[in-house]
Amino acid sequence: MDGEHPKSVDEFFERFRDLCSTLLDNTGVAGYCYTQLTDVYQEKNGIVDFQRRPKVDLGRLAAVQQRTAAIEAGHSRVPRASWRGG
């Protein structure tokens, strides 16, 4: 499954939710950035098409990211391996 395009919108949201949960649950992550929001000539994997029309439910996308992150919940102890690179 890794590296393959999602076969459905629901599969996309499942993968997106799992990825965001991994980041939000990590006490060493203070933020993240979602890149390639729009389709361009050579890439067609954005969440909006070339004319900037949403390809997915943006409200559903936002809802996945709006829960409290572990670092915000007072679990800000960064594991030693994270800051030492190992």
N, C-alpha and C. Protein backbone atom coordinates (compact mmCIF):
# COMPACT_ATOMS: atom_id res chain seq x y z
N MET A 1 0.82 -1.19 0.00
CA MET A 1 0.00 0.00 0.00
C MET A 1 0.87 1.25 0.00
N ASP A 2 1.99 1.26 0.68
CA ASP A 2 2.83 2.44 0.73
C ASP A 2 3.31 2.80 -0.67
N GLY A 3 3.21 4.09 -1.01
CA GLY A 3 3.66 4.55 -2.30
C GLY A 3 2.61 4.44 -3.40
N GLU A 4 1.53 3.74 -3.15
CA GLU A 4 0.47 3.61 -4.14
C GLU A 4 -0.59 4.68 -3.89
N HIS A 5 -1.24 5.11 -4.96
CA HIS A 5 -2.33 6.07 -4.82
C HIS A 5 -3.49 5.42 -4.09
N PRO A 6 -4.18 6.16 -3.23
CA PRO A 6 -5.38 5.61 -2.59
C PRO A 6 -6.40 5.22 -3.66
N LYS A 7 -7.09 4.14 -3.39
CA LYS A 7 -8.08 3.63 -4.35
C LYS A 7 -9.44 4.30 -4.21
N SER A 8 -9.64 5.06 -3.13
CA SER A 8 -10.91 5.74 -2.91
C SER A 8 -10.67 6.96 -2.02
N VAL A 9 -11.68 7.82 -1.97
CA VAL A 9 -11.60 8.99 -1.09
C VAL A 9 -11.53 8.54 0.36
N ASP A 10 -12.28 7.52 0.72
CA ASP A 10 -12.24 7.02 2.10
C ASP A 10 -10.86 6.49 2.46
N GLU A 11 -10.19 5.82 1.52
CA GLU A 11 -8.83 5.35 1.79
C GLU A 11 -7.88 6.53 1.96
N PHE A 12 -8.05 7.58 1.15
CA PHE A 12 -7.24 8.78 1.32
C PHE A 12 -7.40 9.33 2.73
N PHE A 13 -8.66 9.48 3.18
CA PHE A 13 -8.89 10.03 4.52
C PHE A 13 -8.36 9.11 5.62
N GLU A 14 -8.43 7.82 5.43
CA GLU A 14 -7.87 6.88 6.41
C GLU A 14 -6.36 7.07 6.51
N ARG A 15 -5.69 7.16 5.40
CA ARG A 15 -4.23 7.38 5.41
C ARG A 15 -3.89 8.73 6.02
N PHE A 16 -4.65 9.77 5.63
CA PHE A 16 -4.40 11.11 6.15
C PHE A 16 -4.60 11.15 7.66
N ARG A 17 -5.68 10.54 8.13
CA ARG A 17 -5.95 10.47 9.57
C ARG A 17 -4.82 9.75 10.31
N ASP A 18 -4.37 8.62 9.77
CA ASP A 18 -3.30 7.86 10.42
C ASP A 18 -2.00 8.66 10.47
N LEU A 19 -1.68 9.35 9.37
CA LEU A 19 -0.47 10.17 9.34
C LEU A 19 -0.55 11.31 10.35
N CYS A 20 -1.67 12.02 10.35
CA CYS A 20 -1.83 13.14 11.29
C CYS A 20 -1.83 12.65 12.74
N SER A 21 -2.45 11.51 13.00
CA SER A 21 -2.46 10.96 14.36
C SER A 21 -1.05 10.63 14.82
N THR A 22 -0.25 10.07 13.93
CA THR A 22 1.14 9.77 14.28
C THR A 22 1.88 11.03 14.66
N LEU A 23 1.69 12.09 13.91
CA LEU A 23 2.35 13.36 14.21
C LEU A 23 1.79 14.01 15.47
N LEU A 24 0.47 14.05 15.61
CA LEU A 24 -0.15 14.70 16.76
C LEU A 24 0.08 13.96 18.06
N ASP A 25 0.29 12.65 17.99
CA ASP A 25 0.55 11.85 19.19
C ASP A 25 2.00 11.91 19.65
N ASN A 26 2.89 12.40 18.80
CA ASN A 26 4.32 12.43 19.11
C ASN A 26 4.62 13.66 19.97
N THR A 27 5.11 13.44 21.17
CA THR A 27 5.41 14.56 22.08
C THR A 27 6.59 15.40 21.61
N GLY A 28 7.34 14.92 20.64
CA GLY A 28 8.47 15.67 20.12
C GLY A 28 8.14 16.51 18.91
N VAL A 29 6.91 16.46 18.44
CA VAL A 29 6.51 17.22 17.26
C VAL A 29 5.72 18.45 17.70
N ALA A 30 6.23 19.63 17.34
CA ALA A 30 5.56 20.87 17.69
C ALA A 30 4.78 21.45 16.52
N GLY A 31 4.93 20.88 15.35
CA GLY A 31 4.20 21.35 14.19
C GLY A 31 4.56 20.54 12.97
N TYR A 32 3.75 20.68 11.94
CA TYR A 32 4.04 20.03 10.67
C TYR A 32 3.43 20.85 9.55
N CYS A 33 3.83 20.56 8.34
CA CYS A 33 3.38 21.33 7.19
C CYS A 33 2.91 20.37 6.10
N TYR A 34 1.72 20.57 5.61
CA TYR A 34 1.19 19.79 4.49
C TYR A 34 1.55 20.56 3.22
N THR A 35 2.30 19.93 2.34
CA THR A 35 2.74 20.60 1.12
C THR A 35 2.00 20.06 -0.10
N GLN A 36 2.19 20.68 -1.21
CA GLN A 36 1.58 20.31 -2.48
C GLN A 36 0.06 20.25 -2.36
N LEU A 37 -0.52 21.35 -1.94
CA LEU A 37 -1.97 21.43 -1.78
C LEU A 37 -2.70 21.44 -3.12
N THR A 38 -2.06 21.96 -4.15
CA THR A 38 -2.73 22.11 -5.44
C THR A 38 -2.07 21.28 -6.53
N ASP A 39 -2.88 20.86 -7.47
CA ASP A 39 -2.34 20.20 -8.66
C ASP A 39 -1.60 21.24 -9.49
N VAL A 40 -0.55 20.81 -10.14
CA VAL A 40 0.21 21.65 -11.08
C VAL A 40 0.41 20.84 -12.35
N TYR A 41 1.07 21.40 -13.33
CA TYR A 41 1.22 20.71 -14.62
C TYR A 41 1.78 19.30 -14.47
N GLN A 42 2.84 19.14 -13.70
CA GLN A 42 3.51 17.85 -13.63
C GLN A 42 3.06 16.97 -12.46
N GLU A 43 2.26 17.48 -11.56
CA GLU A 43 1.80 16.71 -10.40
C GLU A 43 0.29 16.83 -10.27
N LYS A 44 -0.36 15.72 -9.99
CA LYS A 44 -1.83 15.71 -9.89
C LYS A 44 -2.28 15.12 -8.55
N ASN A 45 -1.48 15.34 -7.50
CA ASN A 45 -1.81 14.73 -6.21
C ASN A 45 -2.21 15.75 -5.15
N GLY A 46 -2.66 16.93 -5.56
CA GLY A 46 -3.09 17.95 -4.61
C GLY A 46 -4.48 17.65 -4.06
N ILE A 47 -4.87 18.42 -3.06
CA ILE A 47 -6.23 18.28 -2.52
C ILE A 47 -7.20 19.21 -3.24
N VAL A 48 -6.64 20.11 -4.07
CA VAL A 48 -7.46 20.91 -4.98
C VAL A 48 -6.89 20.75 -6.38
N ASP A 49 -7.75 20.86 -7.39
CA ASP A 49 -7.31 20.67 -8.76
C ASP A 49 -6.62 21.93 -9.31
N PHE A 50 -6.24 21.88 -10.58
CA PHE A 50 -5.51 22.97 -11.20
C PHE A 50 -6.29 24.28 -11.15
N GLN A 51 -7.61 24.22 -11.20
CA GLN A 51 -8.45 25.41 -11.12
C GLN A 51 -8.79 25.78 -9.67
N ARG A 52 -8.16 25.11 -8.73
CA ARG A 52 -8.31 25.35 -7.28
C ARG A 52 -9.68 24.95 -6.75
N ARG A 53 -10.30 23.96 -7.37
CA ARG A 53 -11.55 23.39 -6.87
C ARG A 53 -11.20 22.20 -5.97
N PRO A 54 -11.79 22.13 -4.79
CA PRO A 54 -11.50 21.02 -3.88
C PRO A 54 -11.83 19.66 -4.52
N LYS A 55 -10.92 18.72 -4.32
CA LYS A 55 -11.13 17.35 -4.79
C LYS A 55 -11.65 16.46 -3.66
N VAL A 56 -11.57 16.95 -2.43
CA VAL A 56 -12.05 16.22 -1.25
C VAL A 56 -12.82 17.20 -0.37
N ASP A 57 -13.50 16.67 0.62
CA ASP A 57 -14.24 17.48 1.58
C ASP A 57 -13.24 18.19 2.51
N LEU A 58 -13.07 19.49 2.32
CA LEU A 58 -12.08 20.23 3.10
C LEU A 58 -12.43 20.30 4.58
N GLY A 59 -13.72 20.29 4.91
CA GLY A 59 -14.14 20.26 6.31
C GLY A 59 -13.70 18.97 6.99
N ARG A 60 -13.82 17.88 6.27
CA ARG A 60 -13.39 16.58 6.81
C ARG A 60 -11.87 16.56 6.99
N LEU A 61 -11.17 17.17 6.05
CA LEU A 61 -9.72 17.26 6.13
C LEU A 61 -9.29 18.09 7.35
N ALA A 62 -9.96 19.22 7.56
CA ALA A 62 -9.65 20.07 8.70
C ALA A 62 -9.96 19.38 10.03
N ALA A 63 -11.05 18.65 10.07
CA ALA A 63 -11.46 17.98 11.31
C ALA A 63 -10.40 16.99 11.80
N VAL A 64 -9.73 16.35 10.88
CA VAL A 64 -8.68 15.38 11.25
C VAL A 64 -7.57 16.08 12.02
N GLN A 65 -7.30 17.33 11.69
CA GLN A 65 -6.15 18.04 12.25
C GLN A 65 -6.48 18.92 13.44
N GLN A 66 -7.73 19.01 13.84
CA GLN A 66 -8.11 19.97 14.86
C GLN A 66 -8.13 19.43 16.28
N ARG A 67 -7.67 18.23 16.48
CA ARG A 67 -7.62 17.75 17.85
C ARG A 67 -6.35 18.23 18.53
N THR A 68 -6.33 18.19 19.84
CA THR A 68 -5.20 18.66 20.61
C THR A 68 -4.01 17.73 20.41
N ALA A 69 -2.87 18.33 20.12
CA ALA A 69 -1.63 17.57 19.96
C ALA A 69 -1.07 17.21 21.34
N ALA A 70 -0.31 16.14 21.38
CA ALA A 70 0.28 15.68 22.65
C ALA A 70 1.12 16.77 23.29
N ILE A 71 1.86 17.51 22.49
CA ILE A 71 2.71 18.57 23.05
C ILE A 71 1.88 19.69 23.66
N GLU A 72 0.68 19.93 23.14
CA GLU A 72 -0.21 20.95 23.68
C GLU A 72 -0.92 20.49 24.94
N ALA A 73 -1.04 19.19 25.09
CA ALA A 73 -1.77 18.62 26.22
C ALA A 73 -0.90 18.48 27.46
N GLY A 74 0.28 19.08 27.42
CA GLY A 74 1.15 19.03 28.58
C GLY A 74 2.10 17.85 28.58
N HIS A 75 2.12 17.12 27.50
CA HIS A 75 3.03 15.98 27.38
C HIS A 75 4.23 16.41 26.55
N SER A 76 4.93 17.44 27.03
CA SER A 76 5.95 18.06 26.22
C SER A 76 7.35 17.50 26.43
N ARG A 77 7.49 16.44 27.19
CA ARG A 77 8.80 15.83 27.37
C ARG A 77 9.22 15.17 26.05
N VAL A 78 10.28 15.67 25.48
CA VAL A 78 10.77 15.14 24.21
C VAL A 78 11.66 13.93 24.50
N PRO A 79 11.37 12.79 23.88
CA PRO A 79 12.23 11.60 24.09
C PRO A 79 13.66 11.93 23.71
N ARG A 80 14.61 11.44 24.49
CA ARG A 80 16.01 11.75 24.25
C ARG A 80 16.45 11.37 22.84
N ALA A 81 15.98 10.25 22.34
CA ALA A 81 16.38 9.81 21.00
C ALA A 81 15.98 10.83 19.94
N SER A 82 14.92 11.57 20.17
CA SER A 82 14.45 12.54 19.17
C SER A 82 15.43 13.69 18.99
N TRP A 83 15.94 14.23 20.09
CA TRP A 83 16.81 15.40 19.94
C TRP A 83 18.26 15.03 19.72
N ARG A 84 18.60 13.77 19.85
CA ARG A 84 19.97 13.34 19.60
C ARG A 84 20.12 12.69 18.23
N GLY A 85 19.01 12.61 17.51
CA GLY A 85 19.09 12.04 16.18
C GLY A 85 19.17 10.53 16.16
N GLY A 86 18.81 9.86 17.23
CA GLY A 86 18.93 8.40 17.19
C GLY A 86 17.95 7.70 17.94
